[in-house]
Amino acid sequence: MIVLFFGDIVGEEATAHLAKRLPELRADHHADLVIANAENCAPNGLGMASKQVELLFASGVDVVTGGNHSWDSGESVKLLEHPRVIRPFNVGTVVPGRGSTHLEVAGEEVTVLNLADRCAMRSVVATAGQVEPAYHGGWLKAPRNGTVIVDYHGDHVIEKKIFARAVDGEAAAVLGTHTHEPTLPLHILPGGTALVTDVGMTGPEGGVQGFAYDSFVTGLKTAGDPMTLPLPSPLSGQPITLGGVVLEIEDGLTRKLARLS
């Protein structure tokens, strides 16, 4: 089974860029499954929008994952009703959306599981007081059938590494999202679980996670806190970078792992 996974898609231009390239990428790699984190795909980069999500599905994305921005707008929340649009599993059941999805891929059962660490979710109003630890509140509670691929949306490299070791041999892959900065090492752990601590964003370069620097710098200089000024900040407007990996999975474990460029 060949899987393509794309990191945080930021804005409508990045969505269109991936949608244009994806049919060729999917054909070139003979991909059986495509997963994309699209919690930032709305035009302003905050949450999801129907037009962008529909474009991703039409271009060949099979599952959309999310994170702390999954509830940024009413439209984003409405999209969580789609059976293949998921958000972190390890939040309370009263929070809109589902944390995993199951599908048949190349004759095999696959579970895509979305998790997040508490740091990434700390400012999310929709999940306030509802975030559980990723392992005990997510992995152990989630229904996991067949090959399991995890989108781990988190700030902490250490937590991602420890989590991946804890599920080594049980998950095919633990693929980090959220920081938007691709990490260089690609790991296949002893038990066959792939680990990338951050896949990196699919979005505009030259800013802060795809957004222009100006408002963050002003906030830092005037109030000592770069997050003081309200979002949205404009997107950076720079060329789009593609953050993605390709995995070759066999019998529920990863045999090969490489970056897409």
C-alpha atoms as a PDB file:
ATOM      1  CA  MET A   1       0.000   0.000   0.000  1.00  0.00           C
ATOM      2  CA  ILE A   2       1.384   3.412  -0.996  1.00  0.00           C
ATOM      3  CA  VAL A   3       0.252   6.397   1.087  1.00  0.00           C
ATOM      4  CA  LEU A   4       0.798  10.108   0.439  1.00  0.00           C
ATOM      5  CA  PHE A   5       0.465  12.402   3.451  1.00  0.00           C
ATOM      6  CA  PHE A   6       0.475  16.203   3.208  1.00  0.00           C
ATOM      7  CA  GLY A   7       1.096  18.563   6.145  1.00  0.00           C
ATOM      8  CA  ASP A   8      -0.954  21.608   7.164  1.00  0.00           C
ATOM      9  CA  ILE A   9      -2.466  23.231   4.051  1.00  0.00           C
ATOM     10  CA  VAL A  10      -2.568  27.002   4.590  1.00  0.00           C
ATOM     11  CA  GLY A  11      -5.000  29.111   2.546  1.00  0.00           C
ATOM     12  CA  GLU A  12      -6.765  28.820  -0.784  1.00  0.00           C
ATOM     13  CA  GLU A  13      -3.678  29.289  -2.971  1.00  0.00           C
ATOM     14  CA  ALA A  14      -1.928  26.376  -1.249  1.00  0.00           C
ATOM     15  CA  THR A  15      -5.087  24.289  -1.626  1.00  0.00           C
ATOM     16  CA  ALA A  16      -5.233  25.052  -5.340  1.00  0.00           C
ATOM     17  CA  HIS A  17      -1.504  24.302  -5.692  1.00  0.00           C
ATOM     18  CA  LEU A  18      -1.872  20.864  -4.138  1.00  0.00           C
ATOM     19  CA  ALA A  19      -5.071  20.129  -6.053  1.00  0.00           C
ATOM     20  CA  LYS A  20      -3.293  20.912  -9.327  1.00  0.00           C
ATOM     21  CA  ARG A  21      -0.293  18.705  -8.553  1.00  0.00           C
ATOM     22  CA  LEU A  22      -2.035  15.846  -6.795  1.00  0.00           C
ATOM     23  CA  PRO A  23      -3.353  13.819  -9.753  1.00  0.00           C
ATOM     24  CA  GLU A  24       0.176  13.605 -11.190  1.00  0.00           C
ATOM     25  CA  LEU A  25       1.745  12.882  -7.778  1.00  0.00           C
ATOM     26  CA  ARG A  26      -0.822  10.202  -7.103  1.00  0.00           C
ATOM     27  CA  ALA A  27      -0.196   8.588 -10.498  1.00  0.00           C
ATOM     28  CA  ASP A  28       3.607   8.857 -10.299  1.00  0.00           C
ATOM     29  CA  HIS A  29       3.726   7.164  -6.900  1.00  0.00           C
ATOM     30  CA  HIS A  30       0.882   4.703  -7.648  1.00  0.00           C
ATOM     31  CA  ALA A  31      -0.697   5.938  -4.423  1.00  0.00           C
ATOM     32  CA  ASP A  32      -3.545   3.951  -2.893  1.00  0.00           C
ATOM     33  CA  LEU A  33      -4.400   6.486  -0.181  1.00  0.00           C
ATOM     34  CA  VAL A  34      -3.966  10.263   0.206  1.00  0.00           C
ATOM     35  CA  ILE A  35      -4.321  12.038   3.555  1.00  0.00           C
ATOM     36  CA  ALA A  36      -4.054  15.808   4.008  1.00  0.00           C
ATOM     37  CA  ASN A  37      -4.175  17.995   7.096  1.00  0.00           C
ATOM     38  CA  ALA A  38      -6.411  20.857   5.952  1.00  0.00           C
ATOM     39  CA  GLU A  39      -7.426  22.633   9.158  1.00  0.00           C
ATOM     40  CA  ASN A  40      -5.957  25.876   7.729  1.00  0.00           C
ATOM     41  CA  CYS A  41      -7.258  25.596   4.167  1.00  0.00           C
ATOM     42  CA  ALA A  42      -9.846  28.401   4.436  1.00  0.00           C
ATOM     43  CA  PRO A  43      -8.956  31.548   2.461  1.00  0.00           C
ATOM     44  CA  ASN A  44      -7.813  33.373   5.615  1.00  0.00           C
ATOM     45  CA  GLY A  45      -5.847  30.345   6.829  1.00  0.00           C
ATOM     46  CA  LEU A  46      -8.055  29.738   9.855  1.00  0.00           C
ATOM     47  CA  GLY A  47     -10.250  26.659   9.805  1.00  0.00           C
ATOM     48  CA  MET A  48     -11.715  24.934   6.772  1.00  0.00           C
ATOM     49  CA  ALA A  49     -13.968  26.142   3.972  1.00  0.00           C
ATOM     50  CA  SER A  50     -16.315  24.045   1.857  1.00  0.00           C
ATOM     51  CA  LYS A  51     -14.885  25.179  -1.475  1.00  0.00           C
ATOM     52  CA  GLN A  52     -11.355  24.187  -0.511  1.00  0.00           C
ATOM     53  CA  VAL A  53     -12.304  20.871   1.096  1.00  0.00           C
ATOM     54  CA  GLU A  54     -14.424  19.918  -1.905  1.00  0.00           C
ATOM     55  CA  LEU A  55     -11.503  20.771  -4.203  1.00  0.00           C
ATOM     56  CA  LEU A  56      -9.170  18.553  -2.180  1.00  0.00           C
ATOM     57  CA  PHE A  57     -11.548  15.601  -2.380  1.00  0.00           C
ATOM     58  CA  ALA A  58     -12.133  16.167  -6.098  1.00  0.00           C
ATOM     59  CA  SER A  59      -8.389  16.214  -6.784  1.00  0.00           C
ATOM     60  CA  GLY A  60      -7.736  12.903  -5.040  1.00  0.00           C
ATOM     61  CA  VAL A  61      -7.514  13.434  -1.273  1.00  0.00           C
ATOM     62  CA  ASP A  62      -9.230  10.571   0.564  1.00  0.00           C
ATOM     63  CA  VAL A  63      -9.110  11.789   4.192  1.00  0.00           C
ATOM     64  CA  VAL A  64      -8.824  15.296   5.666  1.00  0.00           C
ATOM     65  CA  THR A  65      -7.346  15.607   9.152  1.00  0.00           C
ATOM     66  CA  GLY A  66      -7.326  18.567  11.506  1.00  0.00           C
ATOM     67  CA  GLY A  67      -6.152  20.028  14.773  1.00  0.00           C
ATOM     68  CA  ASN A  68      -6.553  23.145  16.865  1.00  0.00           C
ATOM     69  CA  HIS A  69      -8.138  25.142  13.996  1.00  0.00           C
ATOM     70  CA  SER A  70     -10.831  22.558  13.247  1.00  0.00           C
ATOM     71  CA  TRP A  71     -13.508  24.640  15.029  1.00  0.00           C
ATOM     72  CA  ASP A  72     -12.457  28.136  13.897  1.00  0.00           C
ATOM     73  CA  SER A  73     -15.691  28.926  12.077  1.00  0.00           C
ATOM     74  CA  GLY A  74     -19.243  27.689  11.716  1.00  0.00           C
ATOM     75  CA  GLU A  75     -18.401  26.468   8.216  1.00  0.00           C
ATOM     76  CA  SER A  76     -15.415  24.547   9.561  1.00  0.00           C
ATOM     77  CA  VAL A  77     -17.549  22.905  12.247  1.00  0.00           C
ATOM     78  CA  LYS A  78     -20.183  21.970   9.663  1.00  0.00           C
ATOM     79  CA  LEU A  79     -17.519  20.244   7.569  1.00  0.00           C
ATOM     80  CA  LEU A  80     -16.733  17.966  10.524  1.00  0.00           C
ATOM     81  CA  GLU A  81     -19.984  16.154   9.716  1.00  0.00           C
ATOM     82  CA  HIS A  82     -18.295  14.677   6.627  1.00  0.00           C
ATOM     83  CA  PRO A  83     -17.312  11.059   7.382  1.00  0.00           C
ATOM     84  CA  ARG A  84     -13.785  11.571   6.046  1.00  0.00           C
ATOM     85  CA  VAL A  85     -13.082  14.916   7.698  1.00  0.00           C
ATOM     86  CA  ILE A  86     -11.699  14.254  11.161  1.00  0.00           C
ATOM     87  CA  ARG A  87     -10.349  16.234  14.113  1.00  0.00           C
ATOM     88  CA  PRO A  88      -8.327  15.167  17.178  1.00  0.00           C
ATOM     89  CA  PHE A  89      -9.869  12.118  18.835  1.00  0.00           C
ATOM     90  CA  ASN A  90      -8.640  12.906  22.350  1.00  0.00           C
ATOM     91  CA  VAL A  91     -11.223  15.571  23.165  1.00  0.00           C
ATOM     92  CA  GLY A  92     -14.563  15.148  24.892  1.00  0.00           C
ATOM     93  CA  THR A  93     -17.456  13.514  23.057  1.00  0.00           C
ATOM     94  CA  VAL A  94     -19.479  16.735  23.344  1.00  0.00           C
ATOM     95  CA  VAL A  95     -17.035  18.434  20.973  1.00  0.00           C
ATOM     96  CA  PRO A  96     -18.250  18.449  17.333  1.00  0.00           C
ATOM     97  CA  GLY A  97     -16.677  15.992  14.926  1.00  0.00           C
ATOM     98  CA  ARG A  98     -15.092  12.554  14.944  1.00  0.00           C
ATOM     99  CA  GLY A  99     -11.500  11.628  15.661  1.00  0.00           C
ATOM    100  CA  SER A 100     -11.009   8.703  13.305  1.00  0.00           C
ATOM    101  CA  THR A 101     -12.281   7.173  10.116  1.00  0.00           C
ATOM    102  CA  HIS A 102     -12.126   3.681   8.635  1.00  0.00           C
ATOM    103  CA  LEU A 103     -11.895   2.813   4.968  1.00  0.00           C
ATOM    104  CA  GLU A 104     -10.877   0.008   2.649  1.00  0.00           C
ATOM    105  CA  VAL A 105      -7.703   0.653   0.688  1.00  0.00           C
ATOM    106  CA  ALA A 106      -6.323  -1.788  -1.874  1.00  0.00           C
ATOM    107  CA  GLY A 107      -8.372  -4.558  -0.283  1.00  0.00           C
ATOM    108  CA  GLU A 108      -7.121  -3.757   3.230  1.00  0.00           C
ATOM    109  CA  GLU A 109      -8.820  -2.081   6.175  1.00  0.00           C
ATOM    110  CA  VAL A 110      -7.253   1.209   7.223  1.00  0.00           C
ATOM    111  CA  THR A 111      -7.849   3.415  10.250  1.00  0.00           C
ATOM    112  CA  VAL A 112      -6.818   7.071  10.096  1.00  0.00           C
ATOM    113  CA  LEU A 113      -6.575   8.449  13.631  1.00  0.00           C
ATOM    114  CA  ASN A 114      -6.152  12.131  14.496  1.00  0.00           C
ATOM    115  CA  LEU A 115      -4.555  13.043  17.852  1.00  0.00           C
ATOM    116  CA  ALA A 116      -3.206  16.253  19.397  1.00  0.00           C
ATOM    117  CA  ASP A 117      -1.101  17.267  22.349  1.00  0.00           C
ATOM    118  CA  ARG A 118      -2.422  19.595  25.042  1.00  0.00           C
ATOM    119  CA  CYS A 119      -0.033  22.386  24.112  1.00  0.00           C
ATOM    120  CA  ALA A 120      -1.389  22.595  20.574  1.00  0.00           C
ATOM    121  CA  MET A 121      -4.949  22.745  21.908  1.00  0.00           C
ATOM    122  CA  ARG A 122      -4.368  25.144  24.808  1.00  0.00           C
ATOM    123  CA  SER A 123      -6.177  28.143  23.279  1.00  0.00           C
ATOM    124  CA  VAL A 124      -9.065  26.298  21.586  1.00  0.00           C
ATOM    125  CA  VAL A 125     -12.364  27.506  23.050  1.00  0.00           C
ATOM    126  CA  ALA A 126     -14.383  24.576  21.658  1.00  0.00           C
ATOM    127  CA  THR A 127     -12.261  22.028  23.536  1.00  0.00           C
ATOM    128  CA  ALA A 128     -11.561  23.949  26.754  1.00  0.00           C
ATOM    129  CA  GLY A 129     -11.304  21.477  29.643  1.00  0.00           C
ATOM    130  CA  GLN A 130     -11.969  18.589  27.249  1.00  0.00           C
ATOM    131  CA  VAL A 131      -8.482  17.607  26.041  1.00  0.00           C
ATOM    132  CA  GLU A 132      -7.211  14.234  27.247  1.00  0.00           C
ATOM    133  CA  PRO A 133      -3.682  12.816  26.929  1.00  0.00           C
ATOM    134  CA  ALA A 134      -3.001  11.531  23.416  1.00  0.00           C
ATOM    135  CA  TYR A 135      -2.084   7.991  24.493  1.00  0.00           C
ATOM    136  CA  HIS A 136      -4.591   7.218  27.263  1.00  0.00           C
ATOM    137  CA  GLY A 137      -7.362   9.471  26.008  1.00  0.00           C
ATOM    138  CA  GLY A 138      -6.844   8.806  22.322  1.00  0.00           C
ATOM    139  CA  TRP A 139      -4.850   5.768  21.302  1.00  0.00           C
ATOM    140  CA  LEU A 140      -6.222   3.401  23.952  1.00  0.00           C
ATOM    141  CA  LYS A 141      -9.829   4.557  23.480  1.00  0.00           C
ATOM    142  CA  ALA A 142      -9.973   4.744  19.696  1.00  0.00           C
ATOM    143  CA  PRO A 143     -11.328   1.866  17.598  1.00  0.00           C
ATOM    144  CA  ARG A 144      -8.341   0.693  15.560  1.00  0.00           C
ATOM    145  CA  ASN A 145      -8.844  -1.757  12.727  1.00  0.00           C
ATOM    146  CA  GLY A 146      -6.288  -2.926  10.187  1.00  0.00           C
ATOM    147  CA  THR A 147      -3.470  -0.578   9.229  1.00  0.00           C
ATOM    148  CA  VAL A 148      -3.383   2.463  11.523  1.00  0.00           C
ATOM    149  CA  ILE A 149      -2.025   5.848  10.405  1.00  0.00           C
ATOM    150  CA  VAL A 150      -1.839   8.633  12.996  1.00  0.00           C
ATOM    151  CA  ASP A 151      -1.795  12.371  12.362  1.00  0.00           C
ATOM    152  CA  TYR A 152      -0.267  13.662  15.618  1.00  0.00           C
ATOM    153  CA  HIS A 153      -0.983  17.394  15.769  1.00  0.00           C
ATOM    154  CA  GLY A 154       1.387  18.742  18.384  1.00  0.00           C
ATOM    155  CA  ASP A 155       3.999  21.247  19.479  1.00  0.00           C
ATOM    156  CA  HIS A 156       6.370  18.917  21.267  1.00  0.00           C
ATOM    157  CA  VAL A 157       8.932  16.825  19.413  1.00  0.00           C
ATOM    158  CA  ILE A 158       9.684  14.860  22.583  1.00  0.00           C
ATOM    159  CA  GLU A 159       6.040  13.877  23.093  1.00  0.00           C
ATOM    160  CA  LYS A 160       5.711  12.790  19.469  1.00  0.00           C
ATOM    161  CA  LYS A 161       8.841  10.640  19.708  1.00  0.00           C
ATOM    162  CA  ILE A 162       7.759   8.989  22.949  1.00  0.00           C
ATOM    163  CA  PHE A 163       4.248   8.374  21.644  1.00  0.00           C
ATOM    164  CA  ALA A 164       5.617   6.797  18.462  1.00  0.00           C
ATOM    165  CA  ARG A 165       7.824   4.452  20.502  1.00  0.00           C
ATOM    166  CA  ALA A 166       4.832   3.518  22.653  1.00  0.00           C
ATOM    167  CA  VAL A 167       2.864   2.411  19.580  1.00  0.00           C
ATOM    168  CA  ASP A 168       5.811   1.018  17.607  1.00  0.00           C
ATOM    169  CA  GLY A 169       4.733  -2.161  15.874  1.00  0.00           C
ATOM    170  CA  GLU A 170       1.033  -1.297  16.284  1.00  0.00           C
ATOM    171  CA  ALA A 171       0.737   1.821  14.118  1.00  0.00           C
ATOM    172  CA  ALA A 172       2.030   1.975  10.567  1.00  0.00           C
ATOM    173  CA  ALA A 173       2.945   5.633  10.988  1.00  0.00           C
ATOM    174  CA  VAL A 174       2.921   8.574  13.380  1.00  0.00           C
ATOM    175  CA  LEU A 175       3.082  11.710  11.240  1.00  0.00           C
ATOM    176  CA  GLY A 176       3.508  15.023  13.010  1.00  0.00           C
ATOM    177  CA  THR A 177       1.683  18.198  12.038  1.00  0.00           C
ATOM    178  CA  HIS A 178       1.015  21.645  13.604  1.00  0.00           C
ATOM    179  CA  THR A 179       4.384  23.446  13.725  1.00  0.00           C
ATOM    180  CA  HIS A 180       4.420  23.893   9.916  1.00  0.00           C
ATOM    181  CA  GLU A 181       8.219  23.428   9.984  1.00  0.00           C
ATOM    182  CA  PRO A 182       9.441  20.183   8.382  1.00  0.00           C
ATOM    183  CA  THR A 183      11.870  18.181  10.488  1.00  0.00           C
ATOM    184  CA  LEU A 184      14.794  16.650   8.654  1.00  0.00           C
ATOM    185  CA  PRO A 185      15.024  13.101  10.102  1.00  0.00           C
ATOM    186  CA  LEU A 186      12.712  10.412   8.791  1.00  0.00           C
ATOM    187  CA  HIS A 187      12.494   7.432  11.138  1.00  0.00           C
ATOM    188  CA  ILE A 188      11.349   3.866  10.744  1.00  0.00           C
ATOM    189  CA  LEU A 189      11.342   2.526  14.293  1.00  0.00           C
ATOM    190  CA  PRO A 190      12.457  -1.035  15.165  1.00  0.00           C
ATOM    191  CA  GLY A 191       8.894  -2.374  15.167  1.00  0.00           C
ATOM    192  CA  GLY A 192       8.094  -0.894  11.748  1.00  0.00           C
ATOM    193  CA  THR A 193       6.315   2.345  12.703  1.00  0.00           C
ATOM    194  CA  ALA A 194       7.257   5.388  10.616  1.00  0.00           C
ATOM    195  CA  LEU A 195       7.854   8.616  12.529  1.00  0.00           C
ATOM    196  CA  VAL A 196       8.139  12.146  11.179  1.00  0.00           C
ATOM    197  CA  THR A 197       8.003  14.677  13.996  1.00  0.00           C
ATOM    198  CA  ASP A 198       6.652  17.293  11.585  1.00  0.00           C
ATOM    199  CA  VAL A 199       5.793  16.765   7.944  1.00  0.00           C
ATOM    200  CA  GLY A 200       5.789  20.536   7.340  1.00  0.00           C
ATOM    201  CA  MET A 201       3.136  22.756   5.826  1.00  0.00           C
ATOM    202  CA  THR A 202       1.805  23.035   2.329  1.00  0.00           C
ATOM    203  CA  GLY A 203       1.564  26.802   2.255  1.00  0.00           C
ATOM    204  CA  PRO A 204       3.213  30.160   1.533  1.00  0.00           C
ATOM    205  CA  GLU A 205       6.817  30.586   2.609  1.00  0.00           C
ATOM    206  CA  GLY A 206       8.426  33.682   4.092  1.00  0.00           C
ATOM    207  CA  GLY A 207       6.308  34.209   7.190  1.00  0.00           C
ATOM    208  CA  VAL A 208       5.124  32.651  10.444  1.00  0.00           C
ATOM    209  CA  GLN A 209       3.448  29.339   9.607  1.00  0.00           C
ATOM    210  CA  GLY A 210       2.333  30.842   6.311  1.00  0.00           C
ATOM    211  CA  PHE A 211       1.177  34.178   7.768  1.00  0.00           C
ATOM    212  CA  ALA A 212       2.876  37.563   7.318  1.00  0.00           C
ATOM    213  CA  TYR A 213       5.325  38.554  10.049  1.00  0.00           C
ATOM    214  CA  ASP A 214       4.163  42.147  10.568  1.00  0.00           C
ATOM    215  CA  SER A 215       1.360  41.817  13.111  1.00  0.00           C
ATOM    216  CA  PHE A 216       3.281  39.251  15.162  1.00  0.00           C
ATOM    217  CA  VAL A 217       6.380  41.486  15.283  1.00  0.00           C
ATOM    218  CA  THR A 218       4.240  44.499  16.238  1.00  0.00           C
ATOM    219  CA  GLY A 219       2.644  42.494  19.028  1.00  0.00           C
ATOM    220  CA  LEU A 220       6.048  41.434  20.332  1.00  0.00           C
ATOM    221  CA  LYS A 221       7.488  44.954  20.244  1.00  0.00           C
ATOM    222  CA  THR A 222       4.484  46.766  21.692  1.00  0.00           C
ATOM    223  CA  ALA A 223       3.104  44.279  24.203  1.00  0.00           C
ATOM    224  CA  GLY A 224       5.894  41.755  24.652  1.00  0.00           C
ATOM    225  CA  ASP A 225       3.660  39.042  23.207  1.00  0.00           C
ATOM    226  CA  PRO A 226       3.556  38.227  19.473  1.00  0.00           C
ATOM    227  CA  MET A 227       0.066  36.742  19.867  1.00  0.00           C
ATOM    228  CA  THR A 228      -1.460  39.915  21.346  1.00  0.00           C
ATOM    229  CA  LEU A 229      -2.948  41.250  18.136  1.00  0.00           C
ATOM    230  CA  PRO A 230      -6.066  39.440  16.942  1.00  0.00           C
ATOM    231  CA  LEU A 231      -5.973  37.026  14.034  1.00  0.00           C
ATOM    232  CA  PRO A 232      -6.370  36.749  11.142  1.00  0.00           C
ATOM    233  CA  SER A 233      -3.039  38.078  10.038  1.00  0.00           C
ATOM    234  CA  PRO A 234      -2.639  38.219   6.257  1.00  0.00           C
ATOM    235  CA  LEU A 235      -0.989  35.249   4.576  1.00  0.00           C
ATOM    236  CA  SER A 236       2.604  35.868   3.591  1.00  0.00           C
ATOM    237  CA  GLY A 237       1.927  35.949  -0.144  1.00  0.00           C
ATOM    238  CA  GLN A 238       5.189  34.161  -0.924  1.00  0.00           C
ATOM    239  CA  PRO A 239       5.645  31.074  -3.149  1.00  0.00           C
ATOM    240  CA  ILE A 240       3.981  27.849  -2.022  1.00  0.00           C
ATOM    241  CA  THR A 241       6.050  25.087  -0.481  1.00  0.00           C
ATOM    242  CA  LEU A 242       4.839  21.491  -0.511  1.00  0.00           C
ATOM    243  CA  GLY A 243       5.139  19.517   2.712  1.00  0.00           C
ATOM    244  CA  GLY A 244       4.526  15.829   2.261  1.00  0.00           C
ATOM    245  CA  VAL A 245       5.806  12.286   2.653  1.00  0.00           C
ATOM    246  CA  VAL A 246       5.269   9.012   0.822  1.00  0.00           C
ATOM    247  CA  LEU A 247       5.064   5.723   2.692  1.00  0.00           C
ATOM    248  CA  GLU A 248       5.188   2.143   1.515  1.00  0.00           C
ATOM    249  CA  ILE A 249       3.214   0.049   3.984  1.00  0.00           C
ATOM    250  CA  GLU A 250       3.035  -3.730   4.107  1.00  0.00           C
ATOM    251  CA  ASP A 251       1.141  -5.855   6.648  1.00  0.00           C
ATOM    252  CA  GLY A 252       0.362  -2.778   8.716  1.00  0.00           C
ATOM    253  CA  LEU A 253       3.974  -1.593   9.025  1.00  0.00           C
ATOM    254  CA  THR A 254       6.118   0.838   7.064  1.00  0.00           C
ATOM    255  CA  ARG A 255       8.833  -0.544   4.788  1.00  0.00           C
ATOM    256  CA  LYS A 256       9.905   2.700   3.082  1.00  0.00           C
ATOM    257  CA  LEU A 257       9.529   6.386   3.920  1.00  0.00           C
ATOM    258  CA  ALA A 258      10.598   9.421   1.876  1.00  0.00           C
ATOM    259  CA  ARG A 259       9.846  13.111   1.494  1.00  0.00           C
ATOM    260  CA  LEU A 260       7.900  14.592  -1.378  1.00  0.00           C
ATOM    261  CA  SER A 261       9.230  17.783  -2.917  1.00  0.00           C
END
